[in-house]
Amino acid sequence: AEPLAEISDVGERQIKILSWFFERYLHLPSSSILRYEDLISSKGKSLQAITPQALNLEVSLENRNKNTLYDWNLMEKLGEKLLKSEGAFWKFYTKDSVKTLLAEISMVRNQP
């Protein structure tokens, strides 16, 4: 709580909390980490880390990162702050993945 109290910007505090959570995962073996994007792209097969039966899954899943219910202005603002920050999350995601998502959001927003 003390380090957070020193950060006046809400977005910066959220990024600090995000990094804190990702720090908890650093000690886990990579086979224990289930990423949302992998779950979607594998059609559920990545759940085989939990149960072998998932290898047979073929579920049509949709990435909802660009959902129109999200505040895209806020996502862009936080994405830009994230790109300028350091934290444990960069051990799991790349800056290019954030840049790609921001570009996709921009494209969707600018469609008629």
Protein backbone atom coordinates (compact mmCIF):
# COMPACT_ATOMS: atom_id res chain seq x y z
CA ALA A 1 0.00 0.00 0.00
CA GLU A 2 2.83 2.42 0.76
CA PRO A 3 4.38 2.38 -2.72
CA LEU A 4 0.92 2.89 -4.23
CA ALA A 5 0.19 5.85 -1.96
CA GLU A 6 3.22 7.60 -3.46
CA ILE A 7 1.78 7.37 -7.01
CA SER A 8 -0.81 10.07 -7.72
CA ASP A 9 -1.75 8.96 -11.27
CA VAL A 10 -4.45 6.25 -11.30
CA GLY A 11 -3.10 4.68 -14.50
CA GLU A 12 0.41 4.51 -13.06
CA ARG A 13 -0.97 2.85 -9.92
CA GLN A 14 -2.79 0.28 -12.06
CA ILE A 15 0.42 -0.52 -13.91
CA LYS A 16 2.27 -0.92 -10.58
CA ILE A 17 -0.45 -3.34 -9.40
CA LEU A 18 -0.30 -5.21 -12.71
CA SER A 19 3.45 -5.66 -12.32
CA TRP A 20 2.99 -6.83 -8.73
CA PHE A 21 0.60 -9.55 -9.90
CA PHE A 22 2.91 -10.67 -12.71
CA GLU A 23 5.80 -10.83 -10.22
CA ARG A 24 3.86 -13.58 -8.43
CA TYR A 25 3.99 -15.68 -11.61
CA LEU A 26 7.74 -15.32 -12.22
CA HIS A 27 8.60 -18.30 -10.01
CA LEU A 28 6.16 -20.64 -11.77
CA PRO A 29 7.26 -23.01 -14.52
CA SER A 30 6.21 -21.72 -17.94
CA SER A 31 4.09 -24.86 -18.41
CA SER A 32 1.88 -23.62 -15.56
CA ILE A 33 1.15 -20.28 -17.21
CA LEU A 34 -2.05 -20.09 -19.26
CA ARG A 35 -2.26 -16.98 -21.39
CA TYR A 36 -5.61 -15.71 -22.66
CA GLU A 37 -4.29 -15.26 -26.20
CA ASP A 38 -2.97 -18.84 -26.27
CA LEU A 39 -6.31 -20.18 -25.06
CA ILE A 40 -8.10 -18.36 -27.88
CA SER A 41 -5.64 -19.28 -30.65
CA SER A 42 -5.43 -22.94 -29.59
CA LYS A 43 -9.24 -23.27 -29.48
CA GLY A 44 -8.94 -24.44 -25.89
CA LYS A 45 -6.14 -26.94 -26.41
CA SER A 46 -3.76 -24.92 -24.21
CA LEU A 47 -5.85 -26.10 -21.25
CA GLN A 48 -4.01 -29.41 -21.57
CA ALA A 49 -1.65 -27.93 -18.99
CA ILE A 50 -4.52 -28.53 -16.57
CA THR A 51 -6.14 -31.62 -18.06
CA PRO A 52 -4.98 -33.95 -20.84
CA GLN A 53 -8.52 -34.13 -22.23
CA ALA A 54 -8.18 -30.55 -23.47
CA LEU A 55 -5.94 -31.81 -26.27
CA ASN A 56 -9.16 -32.91 -28.01
CA LEU A 57 -10.86 -29.52 -27.70
CA GLU A 58 -11.80 -27.59 -30.82
CA VAL A 59 -13.85 -24.75 -29.36
CA SER A 60 -14.49 -21.65 -31.42
CA LEU A 61 -13.30 -18.85 -29.14
CA GLU A 62 -13.19 -15.16 -29.90
CA ASN A 63 -10.60 -12.69 -28.67
CA ARG A 64 -12.52 -9.94 -26.91
CA ASN A 65 -9.65 -7.51 -26.39
CA LYS A 66 -11.22 -5.19 -29.00
CA ASN A 67 -14.75 -5.38 -27.61
CA THR A 68 -16.73 -2.21 -28.35
CA LEU A 69 -17.91 -2.15 -24.72
CA TYR A 70 -14.40 -1.19 -23.64
CA ASP A 71 -13.35 2.42 -23.36
CA TRP A 72 -10.89 2.54 -26.26
CA ASN A 73 -9.64 6.00 -25.30
CA LEU A 74 -8.74 4.67 -21.87
CA MET A 75 -7.19 1.54 -23.39
CA GLU A 76 -4.99 3.65 -25.65
CA LYS A 77 -3.98 5.92 -22.79
CA LEU A 78 -3.10 2.98 -20.53
CA GLY A 79 -1.41 1.16 -23.41
CA GLU A 80 0.86 4.13 -24.03
CA LYS A 81 1.69 4.35 -20.30
CA LEU A 82 2.37 0.62 -20.27
CA LEU A 83 4.76 0.90 -23.21
CA LYS A 84 6.74 3.57 -21.33
CA SER A 85 6.91 1.55 -18.13
CA GLU A 86 8.96 -1.34 -16.81
CA GLY A 87 7.52 -4.27 -14.97
CA ALA A 88 7.26 -8.03 -14.60
CA PHE A 89 4.54 -8.14 -17.29
CA TRP A 90 7.26 -7.80 -19.97
CA LYS A 91 8.45 -11.29 -19.02
CA PHE A 92 5.11 -12.59 -20.34
CA TYR A 93 4.19 -10.15 -23.10
CA THR A 94 6.17 -8.09 -25.59
CA LYS A 95 5.90 -4.40 -26.26
CA ASP A 96 5.12 -5.33 -29.87
CA SER A 97 2.02 -7.23 -28.70
CA VAL A 98 0.76 -4.08 -26.95
CA LYS A 99 1.58 -1.95 -30.00
CA THR A 100 -0.32 -4.41 -32.21
CA LEU A 101 -3.38 -4.30 -29.99
CA LEU A 102 -3.30 -0.49 -29.93
CA ALA A 103 -3.05 -0.42 -33.74
CA GLU A 104 -5.97 -2.84 -34.05
CA ILE A 105 -8.08 -0.73 -31.71
CA SER A 106 -7.26 2.34 -33.76
CA MET A 107 -8.27 0.57 -36.98
CA VAL A 108 -11.57 -0.67 -35.53
CA ARG A 109 -12.36 2.76 -34.09
CA ASN A 110 -11.74 4.48 -37.42
CA GLN A 111 -14.03 2.17 -39.40
CA PRO A 112 -17.33 3.74 -40.54
